[in-house]
Amino acid sequence: MSILQVGLAAELQAYADRYGPVTVGLAGSGQMGTDMVVQLTLMPGVRLGALSELNIAGAESALRMAGSEFARASSAVDVDRAIEGGRVALTEDYKALCASGRIDVVIDATGNPNVGTLIALEAFRNGKHVVMLNVEADITIGRFLREEAAKAGVVYTGAAGDEPAATVEIIGFAQSLGFDIVCAGKGKNNPLRFDATPDAYEEEARRRNMNARMLVEFVDGSKTMIEMVAVANATGLEPDVPGMHGPAATRDELASVLCTNEDGGVLSGPGKVDYSIGKGVAPGVFCVVKPRHDRVLERMSDLKMGPGPNYTIFRPYHLTSLEVPLSAVRAVVKGAPDLIPADRPVAECVTLAKRDLNPGDTLGKIGEYDYRGFAMTWEGARNEGALPLGLAEGARVIQPIRAGEKLTYANCAPDDSLVITQIRRRLDQADGRFATQAA
């Protein structure tokens, strides 16, 4: 007995029958990238055409794990030739990947905001859709990248399976039913330690086949702040307080805790983003809603959604990298994004010092020793001249900064040689925010 393909699977099969498989170019083969190298071999109607990675040994290991035949490539012609021969092109040059005529869509999984920006812009120049798993880049200049994609006639989208897109998915579901959105967010996946540094997590990272720095980006809360800012800027929901509340609300308690003060909760009003460290929420995402009619309240309670007057719409999983290719499929087959930033941001992920920083210090990467992310409203961050997290790497400290204090344009100078810094400055100037910094 054969099972019929339905939904997106059926649409993808129809597309592949007519045009051939959706061909993906992937940048980055770290933990998430390796997952996608494997996953793309398992999905009908999709194939990995090229992999761009500076760590060639790691990339080769990922391709062998997937059972993929591959060939080294140094130009777009080489990439095309490998794909035409049924192999995956392996290259150190993302420009060759983006310029390939055989690539339909590019997924950025580098995790580096500036590198992700460069890859996206190169993909647009070559008429390629872009799936940005690199949320750090999206929260910094996502609205610019969306505009550049529109100019090129292609799709720019956040990645399915990551918490921001999964959260927005259920927000859209709730809105389509006419519910008022009280709060939306995620469960915190790892124990929360704001002062975490890689030294303490090397063993766990090895055990989980992760980079210790990337693990710490999750543990110290940076990733949660980044992801909730991405949700905010795609929906208009805002952080209620700087850093958000982050209560220890269990799954059953979400609707009675992440609701308004008027209803007995912690929020000053509806329309917020937040997260929970309570039991049973992670790895899920949620949307707390409030129906507008007594009859609907009665039915929601009857359907065991809780006692009301607020209810939690809950997705108990997000499949991270395994779902990301679906965004590539929807971009190519349907011309549709899963997550895009709005014209005007409402939230910002700013930067807090993890340790005392001194003039002359050059800052390392997110998830290392110097700083962590911190979610605020966009207006609040603007008024304080706070430095966006996506500009912190490589920035130079110009005034003493105490542990726990915000990095600002007054005490820290971002690296002007980075394209992402240059683009963000133009965005800020267009918004009337003229950042000044010491020479």
Protein backbone atom coordinates (compact mmCIF):
# COMPACT_ATOMS: atom_id res chain seq x y z
CA MET A 1 0.00 0.00 0.00
CA SER A 2 1.41 3.38 -0.96
CA ILE A 3 0.81 6.52 1.08
CA LEU A 4 -0.21 9.55 -0.95
CA GLN A 5 1.86 12.69 -0.62
CA VAL A 6 -0.13 15.62 0.68
CA GLY A 7 0.36 19.30 1.41
CA LEU A 8 3.81 20.73 0.81
CA ALA A 9 5.21 17.28 -0.04
CA ALA A 10 2.75 16.98 -2.93
CA GLU A 11 3.53 20.50 -4.14
CA LEU A 12 7.26 19.78 -3.98
CA GLN A 13 6.87 16.55 -5.91
CA ALA A 14 4.86 18.30 -8.62
CA TYR A 15 7.54 20.98 -8.85
CA ALA A 16 10.36 18.43 -9.03
CA ASP A 17 8.53 16.43 -11.70
CA ARG A 18 8.28 19.54 -13.84
CA TYR A 19 11.53 21.39 -13.14
CA GLY A 20 13.81 18.94 -11.35
CA PRO A 21 14.73 18.98 -7.65
CA VAL A 22 15.10 22.18 -5.66
CA THR A 23 18.86 22.64 -5.52
CA VAL A 24 20.27 24.12 -2.33
CA GLY A 25 23.56 25.88 -1.71
CA LEU A 26 24.58 25.67 1.93
CA ALA A 27 27.10 27.94 3.67
CA GLY A 28 28.50 26.44 6.84
CA SER A 29 28.91 22.86 8.07
CA GLY A 30 29.00 23.24 11.83
CA GLN A 31 26.50 21.36 13.97
CA MET A 32 23.45 22.80 12.18
CA GLY A 33 25.08 22.68 8.76
CA THR A 34 26.06 19.03 9.18
CA ASP A 35 22.47 18.22 10.12
CA MET A 36 21.28 19.84 6.90
CA VAL A 37 23.89 18.06 4.78
CA VAL A 38 22.37 14.80 6.00
CA GLN A 39 18.74 15.91 5.97
CA LEU A 40 18.88 17.13 2.38
CA THR A 41 19.82 13.62 1.25
CA LEU A 42 16.65 12.23 2.85
CA MET A 43 14.05 14.61 1.43
CA PRO A 44 12.36 13.85 -1.90
CA GLY A 45 12.44 16.60 -4.48
CA VAL A 46 15.36 18.45 -2.86
CA ARG A 47 19.11 18.09 -3.15
CA LEU A 48 22.25 19.68 -1.78
CA GLY A 49 24.07 21.13 -4.75
CA ALA A 50 27.00 22.87 -3.10
CA LEU A 51 28.57 23.35 0.31
CA SER A 52 30.73 26.37 1.15
CA GLU A 53 33.01 25.96 4.15
CA LEU A 54 36.51 27.12 5.14
CA ASN A 55 37.00 24.04 7.32
CA ILE A 56 37.30 21.61 4.43
CA ALA A 57 38.08 18.61 6.62
CA GLY A 58 34.91 19.18 8.63
CA ALA A 59 32.87 19.67 5.47
CA GLU A 60 34.22 16.47 3.95
CA SER A 61 33.35 14.61 7.14
CA ALA A 62 29.76 15.91 6.96
CA LEU A 63 29.41 14.89 3.32
CA ARG A 64 30.79 11.41 4.00
CA MET A 65 28.39 11.04 6.92
CA ALA A 66 25.54 11.80 4.51
CA GLY A 67 26.88 9.32 1.95
CA SER A 68 27.23 12.11 -0.62
CA GLU A 69 29.68 12.04 -3.49
CA PHE A 70 31.43 15.37 -3.77
CA ALA A 71 33.99 17.25 -5.80
CA ARG A 72 36.15 20.24 -4.91
CA ALA A 73 35.20 23.44 -6.71
CA SER A 74 36.88 26.83 -6.96
CA SER A 75 34.56 28.60 -9.40
CA ALA A 76 30.89 28.77 -10.37
CA VAL A 77 31.71 26.68 -13.44
CA ASP A 78 33.21 23.99 -11.20
CA VAL A 79 30.11 24.07 -9.00
CA ASP A 80 27.82 23.67 -12.01
CA ARG A 81 29.92 20.83 -13.38
CA ALA A 82 29.82 18.94 -10.08
CA ILE A 83 26.04 19.31 -9.78
CA GLU A 84 25.49 18.23 -13.37
CA GLY A 85 27.58 15.15 -12.59
CA GLY A 86 25.39 14.25 -9.62
CA ARG A 87 27.89 15.30 -6.98
CA VAL A 88 27.93 17.96 -4.29
CA ALA A 89 30.34 20.80 -5.01
CA LEU A 90 32.60 21.57 -2.05
CA THR A 91 34.15 25.02 -2.09
CA GLU A 92 35.84 27.50 0.21
CA ASP A 93 34.45 30.36 -1.87
CA TYR A 94 30.85 31.37 -1.10
CA LYS A 95 30.89 33.56 -4.20
CA ALA A 96 31.32 30.49 -6.40
CA LEU A 97 28.37 28.86 -4.66
CA CYS A 98 26.16 31.95 -5.07
CA ALA A 99 27.11 32.44 -8.74
CA SER A 100 26.32 28.88 -9.75
CA GLY A 101 23.56 28.68 -12.32
CA ARG A 102 22.40 25.37 -10.83
CA ILE A 103 21.73 26.68 -7.32
CA ASP A 104 18.16 27.82 -6.62
CA VAL A 105 18.41 28.94 -3.00
CA VAL A 106 21.18 29.63 -0.49
CA ILE A 107 20.98 28.74 3.21
CA ASP A 108 23.33 30.65 5.50
CA ALA A 109 24.31 28.59 8.55
CA THR A 110 27.58 30.34 9.41
CA GLY A 111 26.38 32.00 12.62
CA ASN A 112 28.61 35.01 11.91
CA PRO A 113 26.59 38.23 11.37
CA ASN A 114 29.03 39.86 8.96
CA VAL A 115 29.71 36.70 6.96
CA GLY A 116 25.98 36.03 6.73
CA THR A 117 25.47 39.53 5.39
CA LEU A 118 28.13 39.09 2.72
CA ILE A 119 26.66 35.75 1.63
CA ALA A 120 23.11 37.12 1.46
CA LEU A 121 24.12 40.12 -0.62
CA GLU A 122 26.12 37.93 -3.00
CA ALA A 123 23.18 35.57 -3.35
CA PHE A 124 20.83 38.45 -4.17
CA ARG A 125 23.26 39.76 -6.78
CA ASN A 126 23.01 36.37 -8.44
CA GLY A 127 19.23 36.10 -8.23
CA LYS A 128 19.15 33.51 -5.45
CA HIS A 129 16.63 33.17 -2.65
CA VAL A 130 18.16 33.29 0.85
CA VAL A 131 17.22 31.35 3.98
CA MET A 132 18.86 33.09 6.93
CA LEU A 133 19.44 30.66 9.78
CA ASN A 134 21.86 33.31 11.02
CA VAL A 135 19.41 35.15 13.30
CA GLU A 136 22.24 37.36 14.57
CA ALA A 137 22.46 38.99 11.14
CA ASP A 138 18.69 39.22 10.75
CA ILE A 139 18.08 41.16 13.98
CA THR A 140 20.84 43.61 13.06
CA ILE A 141 20.01 44.47 9.43
CA GLY A 142 17.20 42.10 8.44
CA ARG A 143 14.94 44.85 7.09
CA PHE A 144 17.73 45.97 4.74
CA LEU A 145 18.27 42.42 3.53
CA ARG A 146 14.54 42.01 2.94
CA GLU A 147 14.53 45.18 0.82
CA GLU A 148 17.57 44.04 -1.18
CA ALA A 149 15.88 40.69 -1.84
CA ALA A 150 12.75 42.47 -3.07
CA LYS A 151 14.85 44.57 -5.45
CA ALA A 152 16.39 41.37 -6.81
CA GLY A 153 12.98 39.68 -7.14
CA VAL A 154 13.85 36.89 -4.72
CA VAL A 155 12.76 35.71 -1.27
CA TYR A 156 14.55 36.53 1.97
CA THR A 157 13.34 34.48 4.93
CA GLY A 158 14.14 33.29 8.38
CA ALA A 159 14.45 29.56 8.84
CA ALA A 160 11.70 27.07 9.62
CA GLY A 161 12.44 24.95 12.67
CA ASP A 162 14.21 27.75 14.50
CA GLU A 163 12.14 29.19 17.37
CA PRO A 164 11.38 32.56 15.73
CA ALA A 165 9.68 31.05 12.67
CA ALA A 166 7.98 28.36 14.77
CA THR A 167 6.62 31.04 17.11
CA VAL A 168 5.41 33.25 14.27
CA GLU A 169 3.68 30.22 12.77
CA ILE A 170 1.44 29.79 15.80
CA ILE A 171 0.96 33.55 16.18
CA GLY A 172 -0.44 33.57 12.65
CA PHE A 173 -2.68 30.62 13.48
CA ALA A 174 -4.04 32.43 16.55
CA GLN A 175 -4.56 35.68 14.65
CA SER A 176 -6.43 33.87 11.88
CA LEU A 177 -8.91 32.68 14.53
CA GLY A 178 -9.42 36.22 15.79
CA PHE A 179 -7.74 35.74 19.16
CA ASP A 180 -6.06 38.69 20.86
CA ILE A 181 -2.34 38.01 21.24
CA VAL A 182 -1.25 38.48 24.84
CA CYS A 183 2.29 37.08 24.70
CA ALA A 184 4.38 34.79 22.53
CA GLY A 185 7.73 33.16 23.06
CA LYS A 186 9.71 30.05 23.80
CA GLY A 187 10.94 27.75 26.51
CA LYS A 188 14.60 28.19 27.45
CA ASN A 189 16.34 24.99 26.35
CA ASN A 190 19.46 25.08 28.53
CA PRO A 191 20.01 26.08 32.17
CA LEU A 192 20.31 29.88 32.31
CA ARG A 193 23.67 31.25 33.47
CA PHE A 194 24.28 34.84 32.47
CA ASP A 195 28.01 34.61 33.31
CA ALA A 196 28.68 31.39 31.36
CA THR A 197 31.96 31.16 29.43
CA PRO A 198 33.30 28.42 27.13
CA ASP A 199 35.85 27.06 29.60
CA ALA A 200 33.13 25.53 31.76
CA TYR A 201 31.31 23.94 28.84
CA GLU A 202 34.02 22.25 26.77
CA GLU A 203 33.15 18.76 28.00
CA GLU A 204 29.39 19.18 27.51
CA ALA A 205 29.97 20.67 24.08
CA ARG A 206 32.07 17.66 23.03
CA ARG A 207 29.42 15.30 24.37
CA ARG A 208 26.73 17.09 22.35
CA ASN A 209 28.94 17.44 19.26
CA MET A 210 28.81 21.22 19.56
CA ASN A 211 31.23 24.11 19.59
CA ALA A 212 31.59 25.34 23.20
CA ARG A 213 31.14 28.95 22.15
CA MET A 214 27.87 28.13 20.41
CA LEU A 215 26.66 26.23 23.46
CA VAL A 216 27.45 29.20 25.70
CA GLU A 217 25.48 31.50 23.37
CA PHE A 218 22.47 29.41 24.39
CA VAL A 219 23.36 29.05 28.09
CA ASP A 220 24.08 32.73 28.79
CA GLY A 221 20.71 33.74 27.35
CA SER A 222 22.03 35.51 24.26
CA LYS A 223 20.28 33.17 21.83
CA THR A 224 16.96 33.53 23.64
CA MET A 225 17.25 37.32 23.53
CA ILE A 226 18.19 37.21 19.85
CA GLU A 227 15.31 34.93 18.95
CA MET A 228 12.67 36.91 20.82
CA VAL A 229 13.87 40.13 19.18
CA ALA A 230 13.48 38.41 15.81
CA VAL A 231 9.89 37.48 16.72
CA ALA A 232 9.23 41.02 17.90
CA ASN A 233 10.50 42.62 14.71
CA ALA A 234 8.45 40.26 12.55
CA THR A 235 5.20 40.79 14.48
CA GLY A 236 5.24 44.08 16.40
CA LEU A 237 5.14 42.33 19.77
CA GLU A 238 7.57 43.97 22.23
CA PRO A 239 9.65 43.01 25.28
CA ASP A 240 7.65 44.16 28.32
CA VAL A 241 10.75 45.02 30.36
CA PRO A 242 14.46 45.13 29.49
CA GLY A 243 15.70 41.53 29.44
CA MET A 244 12.10 40.28 29.49
CA HIS A 245 10.57 38.56 32.53
CA GLY A 246 11.70 34.97 31.92
CA PRO A 247 9.52 33.45 34.64
CA ALA A 248 9.75 29.84 35.83
CA ALA A 249 6.24 29.20 34.53
CA THR A 250 5.48 25.60 33.65
CA ARG A 251 3.63 24.73 30.47
CA ASP A 252 0.34 24.66 32.38
CA GLU A 253 1.11 28.01 34.05
CA LEU A 254 2.05 30.02 30.96
CA ALA A 255 -1.43 31.45 30.40
CA SER A 256 -1.78 32.56 34.03
CA VAL A 257 1.73 34.03 34.38
CA LEU A 258 2.57 35.53 30.98
CA CYS A 259 -0.64 37.49 30.90
CA THR A 260 -1.54 41.03 31.95
CA ASN A 261 -1.48 42.40 35.49
CA GLU A 262 -5.24 42.82 35.15
CA ASP A 263 -5.57 39.04 34.71
CA GLY A 264 -3.12 38.25 37.51
CA GLY A 265 0.03 37.94 35.40
CA VAL A 266 3.36 39.75 35.11
CA LEU A 267 2.79 41.75 31.92
CA SER A 268 1.97 45.46 31.91
CA GLY A 269 -0.22 44.92 28.86
CA PRO A 270 -0.89 42.56 25.95
CA GLY A 271 1.24 42.20 22.83
CA LYS A 272 4.56 41.09 24.36
CA VAL A 273 7.36 38.62 23.71
CA ASP A 274 8.95 36.66 26.53
CA TYR A 275 10.37 33.28 27.50
CA SER A 276 9.98 30.76 30.30
CA ILE A 277 12.50 28.66 32.19
CA GLY A 278 9.70 26.56 33.68
CA LYS A 279 9.36 22.81 33.39
CA GLY A 280 7.73 21.36 30.31
CA VAL A 281 7.98 24.43 28.08
CA ALA A 282 11.28 23.82 26.28
CA PRO A 283 11.84 22.86 23.52
CA GLY A 284 8.44 24.24 22.59
CA VAL A 285 7.13 27.64 21.58
CA PHE A 286 3.90 29.25 22.72
CA CYS A 287 1.36 31.96 22.14
CA VAL A 288 -0.88 33.10 25.01
CA VAL A 289 -4.21 34.27 23.62
CA LYS A 290 -7.42 35.78 24.93
CA PRO A 291 -10.70 35.05 23.14
CA ARG A 292 -13.14 37.93 22.70
CA HIS A 293 -16.46 36.17 23.29
CA ASP A 294 -17.90 34.18 26.19
CA ARG A 295 -18.99 31.38 23.85
CA VAL A 296 -15.40 30.93 22.64
CA LEU A 297 -14.12 31.05 26.21
CA GLU A 298 -16.58 28.28 27.09
CA ARG A 299 -15.47 26.15 24.15
CA MET A 300 -11.74 26.62 24.84
CA SER A 301 -12.22 25.49 28.43
CA ASP A 302 -14.40 22.60 27.32
CA LEU A 303 -11.60 21.54 24.94
CA LYS A 304 -9.26 21.37 27.96
CA MET A 305 -7.17 24.36 26.91
CA GLY A 306 -7.22 25.62 30.50
CA PRO A 307 -9.51 27.54 32.86
CA GLY A 308 -9.20 30.89 31.05
CA PRO A 309 -9.55 33.74 30.52
CA ASN A 310 -6.21 33.29 28.74
CA TYR A 311 -5.12 30.14 26.92
CA THR A 312 -1.85 28.81 25.59
CA ILE A 313 -1.47 27.72 21.99
CA PHE A 314 1.55 25.45 22.23
CA ARG A 315 3.88 23.77 19.76
CA PRO A 316 5.87 21.25 21.81
CA TYR A 317 8.82 20.99 19.45
CA HIS A 318 10.98 22.81 16.98
CA LEU A 319 13.14 20.61 14.80
CA THR A 320 15.87 23.22 14.28
CA SER A 321 18.13 22.34 11.38
CA LEU A 322 16.00 19.42 10.23
CA GLU A 323 13.17 21.78 9.29
CA VAL A 324 15.30 24.51 7.71
CA PRO A 325 15.16 22.99 4.19
CA LEU A 326 11.39 23.51 4.23
CA SER A 327 12.01 27.26 4.11
CA ALA A 328 14.20 26.71 1.06
CA VAL A 329 11.43 24.67 -0.54
CA ARG A 330 8.74 27.28 0.16
CA ALA A 331 10.96 30.07 -1.15
CA VAL A 332 11.52 28.25 -4.48
CA VAL A 333 8.20 26.46 -4.97
CA LYS A 334 5.80 29.02 -3.48
CA GLY A 335 7.83 32.23 -3.50
CA ALA A 336 6.89 32.62 0.15
CA PRO A 337 8.92 33.46 3.27
CA ASP A 338 8.41 31.86 6.67
CA LEU A 339 9.70 34.84 8.66
CA ILE A 340 10.50 38.39 7.56
CA PRO A 341 11.24 41.53 9.58
CA ALA A 342 8.79 44.41 9.34
CA ASP A 343 9.62 47.83 7.93
CA ARG A 344 10.18 49.30 11.37
CA PRO A 345 11.84 47.46 14.26
CA VAL A 346 10.20 47.44 17.68
CA ALA A 347 12.94 45.58 19.57
CA GLU A 348 16.73 45.48 19.74
CA CYS A 349 19.16 42.93 21.11
CA VAL A 350 21.81 45.05 22.80
CA THR A 351 25.05 44.05 24.45
CA LEU A 352 25.88 43.66 28.17
CA ALA A 353 29.41 43.20 29.50
CA LYS A 354 30.09 39.82 31.12
CA ARG A 355 33.27 41.15 32.73
CA ASP A 356 34.96 44.47 33.33
CA LEU A 357 36.15 45.80 29.98
CA ASN A 358 39.00 48.28 29.57
CA PRO A 359 39.88 50.85 26.89
CA GLY A 360 41.79 49.15 24.11
CA ASP A 361 40.10 45.76 24.54
CA THR A 362 38.92 44.20 21.28
CA LEU A 363 35.79 42.15 21.76
CA GLY A 364 35.52 38.48 20.84
CA LYS A 365 32.55 36.55 19.52
CA ILE A 366 29.07 36.05 20.88
CA GLY A 367 29.16 33.23 23.43
CA GLU A 368 32.71 33.87 24.57
CA TYR A 369 34.02 35.88 27.53
CA ASP A 370 33.22 39.52 26.93
CA TYR A 371 29.49 40.10 26.52
CA ARG A 372 26.00 38.67 26.15
CA GLY A 373 22.76 39.65 24.48
CA PHE A 374 19.96 41.59 26.18
CA ALA A 375 16.54 42.31 24.66
CA MET A 376 14.99 45.78 24.87
CA THR A 377 12.48 47.86 23.02
CA TRP A 378 13.95 49.56 19.98
CA GLU A 379 13.12 52.99 21.38
CA GLY A 380 14.73 52.17 24.71
CA ALA A 381 17.92 50.96 23.05
CA ARG A 382 17.96 54.00 20.75
CA ASN A 383 17.55 56.42 23.65
CA GLU A 384 20.49 54.85 25.49
CA GLY A 385 22.72 54.67 22.40
CA ALA A 386 23.08 50.94 23.05
CA LEU A 387 25.33 48.88 20.78
CA PRO A 388 23.46 46.19 18.81
CA LEU A 389 24.73 42.70 19.61
CA GLY A 390 25.38 42.00 15.93
CA LEU A 391 28.05 44.73 15.88
CA ALA A 392 29.93 43.67 19.00
CA GLU A 393 32.41 41.20 17.51
CA GLY A 394 35.67 42.99 16.78
CA ALA A 395 34.49 46.22 18.41
CA ARG A 396 37.02 48.29 20.37
CA VAL A 397 36.39 49.44 23.93
CA ILE A 398 37.02 53.19 24.28
CA GLN A 399 35.73 53.83 27.82
CA PRO A 400 35.79 51.61 30.92
CA ILE A 401 32.75 49.31 31.12
CA ARG A 402 31.79 47.48 34.29
CA ALA A 403 30.46 43.93 34.25
CA GLY A 404 26.68 44.08 33.74
CA GLU A 405 26.72 47.49 32.06
CA LYS A 406 25.53 48.07 28.52
CA LEU A 407 27.93 48.54 25.66
CA THR A 408 27.07 51.79 23.88
CA TYR A 409 28.34 53.83 20.98
CA ALA A 410 29.86 56.14 23.61
CA ASN A 411 32.01 53.45 25.27
CA CYS A 412 32.60 51.06 22.39
CA ALA A 413 33.46 51.55 18.72
CA PRO A 414 32.20 48.86 16.29
CA ASP A 415 34.49 47.65 13.54
CA ASP A 416 33.92 50.04 10.63
CA SER A 417 35.58 47.68 8.17
CA LEU A 418 32.66 45.25 8.45
CA VAL A 419 29.89 45.51 5.89
CA ILE A 420 27.26 44.86 8.55
CA THR A 421 28.51 47.86 10.56
CA GLN A 422 28.35 50.10 7.51
CA ILE A 423 24.83 48.98 6.61
CA ARG A 424 23.55 49.36 10.17
CA ARG A 425 24.97 52.87 10.40
CA ARG A 426 23.08 53.86 7.25
CA LEU A 427 19.88 52.39 8.69
CA ASP A 428 20.38 54.30 11.94
CA GLN A 429 21.05 57.54 10.08
CA ALA A 430 17.89 57.05 8.03
CA ASP A 431 15.99 56.56 11.31
CA GLY A 432 17.42 59.79 12.69
CA ARG A 433 19.85 58.04 14.97
CA PHE A 434 23.31 59.49 14.36
CA ALA A 435 25.69 57.35 16.34
CA THR A 436 28.91 59.08 17.30
CA GLN A 437 32.04 57.39 18.47
CA ALA A 438 35.63 58.25 19.23
CA ALA A 439 38.06 58.15 16.37
